[in-house]
Amino acid sequence: MPETPKTVGLVVKRGRAEAAQLAGTIAGRLRTRGVSVLVEPELGDLPEARVVDKVSMARTADLIVVFGGDGTLLGVARLAGPRELRVLGVNLGGLGFLTEVSTADALPTLDRVFAGDYHLDRRTTLAVRVLRDGAAVASSQVLNDAVINKGALARIIDLHTSVDDEYLCVYKADGLIVATPTGSTAYSLSAGGPLVGPGVAVMLLAPICPHTLTLRPLVLADTSVVRVHLQAPDQEVFLTLDGQEGIPLRDGDVVEVMRSPHVVALVRTVQRSVLGVLRDKLHWGER
């Protein structure tokens, strides 16, 4: 039987009163079970809950319940570390690829978790570094994607790309997406990338508006190390992590992407097939 959580963290999407109200209800239910409850400062008025920042929460909670959309969950997922991060997503957003539990089902789902009636959907993440003059100036990890993209008024940028130290090509494009299988349903899909099952051990390269038609999305083994050398003098270019965190890049910077040893374990109480997600979320095959 899966492990029963003893410490649960609650993360709420900013500016959503109904999310905070539901979090308060769930905090009360957890306390009746003798569970320690961790909350962010924004929920600090919940009785008998301990206020911590999200980094501390990710390090200590046995389970984090996220109230929001996929973006809220992605912000938590980037905190995954050596200790397995387990996340239950309650959907207050739109599509809800990752946050699949409805608000009406939140309490029954939590009861099933404490009854041991759940499984873990482990998702790989990518480790991302920015190297400047050979030294790392920024690092993070992503559950969906790392995107190198030009500013609104910038010209096409040159992205000299290698895989496992072998030259691949120069992407002359508006940018380049490096995505996980989880991220294959996000920005990569909009750029013409393939849909990939979350259990497939790959990473994706998808150019954004390439200047030449011979450049197409590429699927690589997730053991690959991708290095992208930026050549864009006097242009505004950014590295964007999961569509949320932006890092300004300079001409000559190298963005290095590889599989991270850390995983995000999504808590599921029902078995979700990839085909079912395509039908339900993307209306696959409908006219």
Protein backbone atom coordinates (compact mmCIF):
# COMPACT_ATOMS: atom_id res chain seq x y z
CA MET A 1 0.00 0.00 0.00
CA PRO A 2 1.33 3.50 -0.82
CA GLU A 3 2.68 5.63 1.99
CA THR A 4 0.18 7.70 4.00
CA PRO A 5 1.20 11.39 4.15
CA LYS A 6 2.05 12.77 7.58
CA THR A 7 2.86 16.32 6.47
CA VAL A 8 0.86 18.04 3.73
CA GLY A 9 1.61 21.39 2.10
CA LEU A 10 -1.06 23.60 0.52
CA VAL A 11 -0.27 25.93 -2.41
CA VAL A 12 -2.96 28.26 -3.75
CA LYS A 13 -3.13 30.25 -6.98
CA ARG A 14 -2.84 33.97 -6.27
CA GLY A 15 -6.02 36.03 -6.33
CA ARG A 16 -8.46 33.09 -6.25
CA ALA A 17 -10.70 33.44 -3.20
CA GLU A 18 -12.45 30.12 -3.88
CA ALA A 19 -9.08 28.37 -3.89
CA ALA A 20 -8.19 29.81 -0.49
CA GLN A 21 -11.60 28.81 0.87
CA LEU A 22 -11.22 25.24 -0.37
CA ALA A 23 -7.69 25.08 1.05
CA GLY A 24 -9.08 26.11 4.44
CA THR A 25 -11.69 23.34 4.30
CA ILE A 26 -9.06 20.76 3.40
CA ALA A 27 -6.70 22.03 6.10
CA GLY A 28 -9.44 21.39 8.65
CA ARG A 29 -10.02 17.87 7.31
CA LEU A 30 -6.29 17.16 7.49
CA ARG A 31 -6.03 18.36 11.06
CA THR A 32 -8.78 15.94 12.13
CA ARG A 33 -6.51 13.20 10.82
CA GLY A 34 -3.60 14.45 12.91
CA VAL A 35 -1.70 15.59 9.82
CA SER A 36 0.76 18.50 10.00
CA VAL A 37 -0.29 21.24 7.57
CA LEU A 38 2.15 23.63 5.87
CA VAL A 39 0.96 26.77 4.10
CA GLU A 40 2.47 29.72 2.28
CA PRO A 41 2.42 33.17 3.96
CA GLU A 42 -0.67 34.11 1.92
CA LEU A 43 -2.64 31.45 3.83
CA GLY A 44 -1.03 32.21 7.16
CA ASP A 45 -4.34 32.83 8.92
CA LEU A 46 -5.38 29.17 8.70
CA PRO A 47 -5.62 27.76 12.23
CA GLU A 48 -3.01 25.21 13.32
CA ALA A 49 -1.09 25.48 10.05
CA ARG A 50 2.61 26.27 9.96
CA VAL A 51 3.73 29.01 7.59
CA VAL A 52 6.73 28.18 5.40
CA ASP A 53 8.07 29.23 2.01
CA LYS A 54 7.60 26.92 -0.98
CA VAL A 55 11.23 25.78 -0.99
CA SER A 56 10.95 24.56 2.62
CA MET A 57 7.57 23.00 1.84
CA ALA A 58 9.01 20.98 -1.05
CA ARG A 59 11.80 19.71 1.19
CA THR A 60 9.60 18.59 4.09
CA ALA A 61 6.04 17.81 2.91
CA ASP A 62 5.08 14.23 2.08
CA LEU A 63 2.43 15.63 -0.26
CA ILE A 64 1.74 19.08 -1.72
CA VAL A 65 -1.82 19.87 -2.77
CA VAL A 66 -1.92 22.57 -5.46
CA PHE A 67 -5.10 24.61 -5.97
CA GLY A 68 -4.95 26.32 -9.37
CA GLY A 69 -4.11 25.49 -12.95
CA ASP A 70 -1.20 23.71 -14.56
CA GLY A 71 0.90 26.87 -14.24
CA THR A 72 0.58 26.82 -10.45
CA LEU A 73 1.65 23.19 -10.40
CA LEU A 74 4.62 23.90 -12.68
CA GLY A 75 5.86 26.53 -10.23
CA VAL A 76 5.92 23.87 -7.50
CA ALA A 77 7.40 21.19 -9.77
CA ARG A 78 10.56 23.25 -10.39
CA LEU A 79 11.36 22.82 -6.68
CA ALA A 80 11.77 19.03 -7.00
CA GLY A 81 14.94 17.77 -5.34
CA PRO A 82 16.56 14.54 -4.16
CA ARG A 83 13.55 13.82 -1.95
CA GLU A 84 10.69 12.73 -4.20
CA LEU A 85 8.19 15.56 -4.66
CA ARG A 86 4.60 14.29 -4.58
CA VAL A 87 1.92 16.64 -5.89
CA LEU A 88 -1.87 16.44 -6.08
CA GLY A 89 -3.35 19.03 -8.46
CA VAL A 90 -6.84 20.48 -7.93
CA ASN A 91 -7.87 22.20 -11.16
CA LEU A 92 -9.13 25.78 -11.04
CA GLY A 93 -7.70 26.61 -14.45
CA GLY A 94 -8.57 25.65 -18.00
CA LEU A 95 -7.38 22.43 -19.66
CA GLY A 96 -5.82 20.86 -16.59
CA PHE A 97 -3.39 18.39 -18.17
CA LEU A 98 -1.55 18.08 -14.85
CA THR A 99 -4.17 19.29 -12.35
CA GLU A 100 -6.90 16.81 -13.13
CA VAL A 101 -8.95 16.77 -9.89
CA SER A 102 -12.03 19.00 -9.90
CA THR A 103 -12.91 21.16 -6.89
CA ALA A 104 -15.99 19.00 -6.28
CA ASP A 105 -13.80 15.88 -6.12
CA ALA A 106 -11.03 17.39 -3.98
CA LEU A 107 -12.19 16.09 -0.61
CA PRO A 108 -13.18 12.59 -1.83
CA THR A 109 -9.85 12.33 -3.66
CA LEU A 110 -7.95 13.25 -0.52
CA ASP A 111 -9.88 10.61 1.42
CA ARG A 112 -8.82 8.04 -1.17
CA VAL A 113 -5.19 9.13 -0.82
CA PHE A 114 -5.33 8.56 2.93
CA ALA A 115 -6.95 5.18 2.34
CA GLY A 116 -3.94 4.26 0.20
CA ASP A 117 -6.06 4.15 -2.94
CA TYR A 118 -3.74 6.04 -5.26
CA HIS A 119 -0.73 5.63 -7.51
CA LEU A 120 2.19 7.83 -8.50
CA ASP A 121 2.65 9.10 -12.05
CA ARG A 122 6.38 9.91 -12.07
CA ARG A 123 7.40 12.60 -14.56
CA THR A 124 10.95 13.39 -15.64
CA THR A 125 12.38 16.89 -15.46
CA LEU A 126 15.20 18.65 -17.32
CA ALA A 127 18.18 20.36 -15.70
CA VAL A 128 19.00 23.67 -17.36
CA ARG A 129 22.16 25.79 -17.02
CA VAL A 130 23.32 29.04 -18.57
CA LEU A 131 27.07 29.12 -19.15
CA ARG A 132 28.80 32.47 -19.67
CA ASP A 133 32.53 32.46 -20.42
CA GLY A 134 32.58 28.85 -19.21
CA ALA A 135 31.00 29.56 -15.81
CA ALA A 136 27.42 28.76 -14.78
CA VAL A 137 25.49 31.99 -14.15
CA ALA A 138 22.03 30.45 -13.77
CA SER A 139 20.54 27.01 -13.23
CA SER A 140 17.12 25.51 -12.71
CA GLN A 141 14.96 22.62 -13.81
CA VAL A 142 11.73 22.35 -15.75
CA LEU A 143 8.85 19.92 -15.95
CA ASN A 144 7.56 21.21 -19.31
CA ASP A 145 10.18 23.06 -21.29
CA ALA A 146 13.10 25.45 -21.58
CA VAL A 147 12.61 27.99 -24.36
CA ILE A 148 15.18 30.29 -25.97
CA ASN A 149 13.29 33.07 -27.69
CA LYS A 150 13.98 36.49 -29.12
CA GLY A 151 12.44 39.73 -27.95
CA ALA A 152 9.49 41.29 -29.75
CA LEU A 153 11.58 43.54 -32.01
CA ALA A 154 14.63 41.31 -32.43
CA ARG A 155 15.71 39.78 -35.73
CA ILE A 156 16.04 36.05 -36.35
CA ILE A 157 18.65 34.58 -34.00
CA ASP A 158 21.34 31.99 -34.70
CA LEU A 159 21.36 29.04 -32.30
CA HIS A 160 24.41 26.81 -32.80
CA THR A 161 23.25 23.50 -31.38
CA SER A 162 25.13 20.33 -30.45
CA VAL A 163 23.98 17.01 -29.02
CA ASP A 164 26.44 15.04 -26.89
CA ASP A 165 29.22 17.33 -28.15
CA GLU A 166 28.40 16.53 -31.79
CA TYR A 167 27.40 19.47 -33.96
CA LEU A 168 23.75 19.26 -34.98
CA CYS A 169 22.89 22.47 -36.87
CA VAL A 170 22.38 26.20 -36.64
CA TYR A 171 18.76 26.96 -35.94
CA LYS A 172 18.00 30.24 -37.69
CA ALA A 173 14.67 30.95 -36.06
CA ASP A 174 12.68 32.99 -33.60
CA GLY A 175 13.76 30.50 -30.96
CA LEU A 176 14.09 26.90 -29.84
CA ILE A 177 12.05 24.75 -27.42
CA VAL A 178 13.64 21.90 -25.48
CA ALA A 179 10.78 19.92 -23.94
CA THR A 180 10.05 16.86 -21.84
CA PRO A 181 7.35 14.35 -22.79
CA THR A 182 5.11 16.18 -20.29
CA GLY A 183 5.83 19.41 -22.16
CA SER A 184 4.93 17.87 -25.52
CA THR A 185 1.32 19.05 -24.97
CA ALA A 186 2.44 22.63 -24.25
CA TYR A 187 4.42 25.17 -26.33
CA SER A 188 6.17 22.43 -28.31
CA LEU A 189 2.81 21.27 -29.67
CA SER A 190 2.02 24.79 -30.88
CA ALA A 191 5.39 24.85 -32.67
CA GLY A 192 4.58 21.64 -34.57
CA GLY A 193 6.23 19.20 -32.19
CA PRO A 194 4.93 15.64 -31.69
CA LEU A 195 2.75 14.45 -28.85
CA VAL A 196 4.71 12.02 -26.67
CA GLY A 197 3.51 9.70 -23.93
CA PRO A 198 4.84 10.75 -20.51
CA GLY A 199 6.55 7.41 -19.96
CA VAL A 200 8.71 7.62 -23.08
CA ALA A 201 12.37 8.37 -22.30
CA VAL A 202 12.97 11.24 -24.72
CA MET A 203 13.44 14.99 -24.98
CA LEU A 204 12.17 17.16 -27.82
CA LEU A 205 13.75 19.95 -29.86
CA ALA A 206 11.23 22.17 -31.64
CA PRO A 207 12.34 25.31 -33.50
CA ILE A 208 10.05 28.35 -33.34
CA CYS A 209 9.28 29.79 -36.80
CA PRO A 210 12.49 28.49 -38.44
CA HIS A 211 13.84 30.47 -41.37
CA THR A 212 14.44 27.33 -43.46
CA LEU A 213 11.84 24.64 -44.11
CA THR A 214 14.37 21.83 -43.63
CA LEU A 215 14.39 22.42 -39.87
CA ARG A 216 11.82 20.20 -38.19
CA PRO A 217 11.14 19.05 -34.61
CA LEU A 218 13.55 16.38 -33.42
CA VAL A 219 13.12 13.61 -30.84
CA LEU A 220 16.25 12.67 -28.86
CA ALA A 221 17.03 10.11 -26.17
CA ASP A 222 16.68 11.66 -22.74
CA THR A 223 20.27 10.64 -22.02
CA SER A 224 21.37 13.36 -24.47
CA VAL A 225 23.09 16.57 -23.47
CA VAL A 226 21.95 19.51 -25.60
CA ARG A 227 24.05 22.67 -25.78
CA VAL A 228 22.82 25.76 -27.59
CA HIS A 229 25.37 28.51 -28.30
CA LEU A 230 23.64 31.84 -28.81
CA GLN A 231 24.96 34.11 -31.55
CA ALA A 232 22.78 37.21 -31.51
CA PRO A 233 24.85 40.37 -31.00
CA ASP A 234 22.89 43.47 -29.96
CA GLN A 235 19.63 41.52 -29.70
CA GLU A 236 17.22 40.88 -26.87
CA VAL A 237 17.01 37.14 -26.13
CA PHE A 238 15.57 35.27 -23.14
CA LEU A 239 15.58 31.79 -21.68
CA THR A 240 12.11 31.01 -20.34
CA LEU A 241 11.54 28.16 -17.90
CA ASP A 242 8.13 26.48 -18.00
CA GLY A 243 6.70 29.71 -19.39
CA GLN A 244 7.12 31.40 -16.01
CA GLU A 245 10.68 32.35 -15.17
CA GLY A 246 12.71 34.47 -17.60
CA ILE A 247 16.50 34.77 -17.74
CA PRO A 248 18.09 37.40 -20.05
CA LEU A 249 20.77 35.93 -22.31
CA ARG A 250 23.83 37.57 -23.81
CA ASP A 251 25.55 36.97 -27.12
CA GLY A 252 27.92 34.02 -26.66
CA ASP A 253 25.97 32.38 -23.82
CA VAL A 254 25.53 28.61 -23.88
CA VAL A 255 22.31 27.01 -22.68
CA GLU A 256 22.89 23.43 -21.55
CA VAL A 257 19.96 21.03 -21.09
CA MET A 258 20.01 17.45 -19.86
CA ARG A 259 17.80 15.07 -17.93
CA SER A 260 17.58 15.94 -14.24
CA PRO A 261 17.91 13.18 -11.63
CA HIS A 262 14.85 14.63 -9.89
CA VAL A 263 11.30 13.56 -10.71
CA VAL A 264 7.87 14.95 -9.96
CA ALA A 265 5.40 12.33 -8.78
CA LEU A 266 1.82 13.30 -9.63
CA VAL A 267 -0.70 11.69 -7.30
CA ARG A 268 -3.45 9.91 -9.23
CA THR A 269 -6.51 8.16 -7.82
CA VAL A 270 -7.80 7.02 -11.20
CA GLN A 271 -5.89 5.44 -14.04
CA ARG A 272 -5.45 7.98 -16.85
CA SER A 273 -4.43 6.71 -20.26
CA VAL A 274 -2.58 8.93 -22.72
CA LEU A 275 -5.28 8.24 -25.31
CA GLY A 276 -8.00 9.25 -22.86
CA VAL A 277 -6.24 12.55 -22.20
CA LEU A 278 -6.01 13.24 -25.93
CA ARG A 279 -9.72 12.58 -26.36
CA ASP A 280 -10.85 14.54 -23.31
CA LYS A 281 -8.47 17.50 -23.33
CA LEU A 282 -7.56 17.94 -27.01
CA HIS A 283 -10.79 16.52 -28.49
CA TRP A 284 -8.63 14.14 -30.54
CA GLY A 285 -10.26 13.10 -33.81
CA GLU A 286 -13.32 15.30 -33.41
CA ARG A 287 -14.56 17.44 -36.31
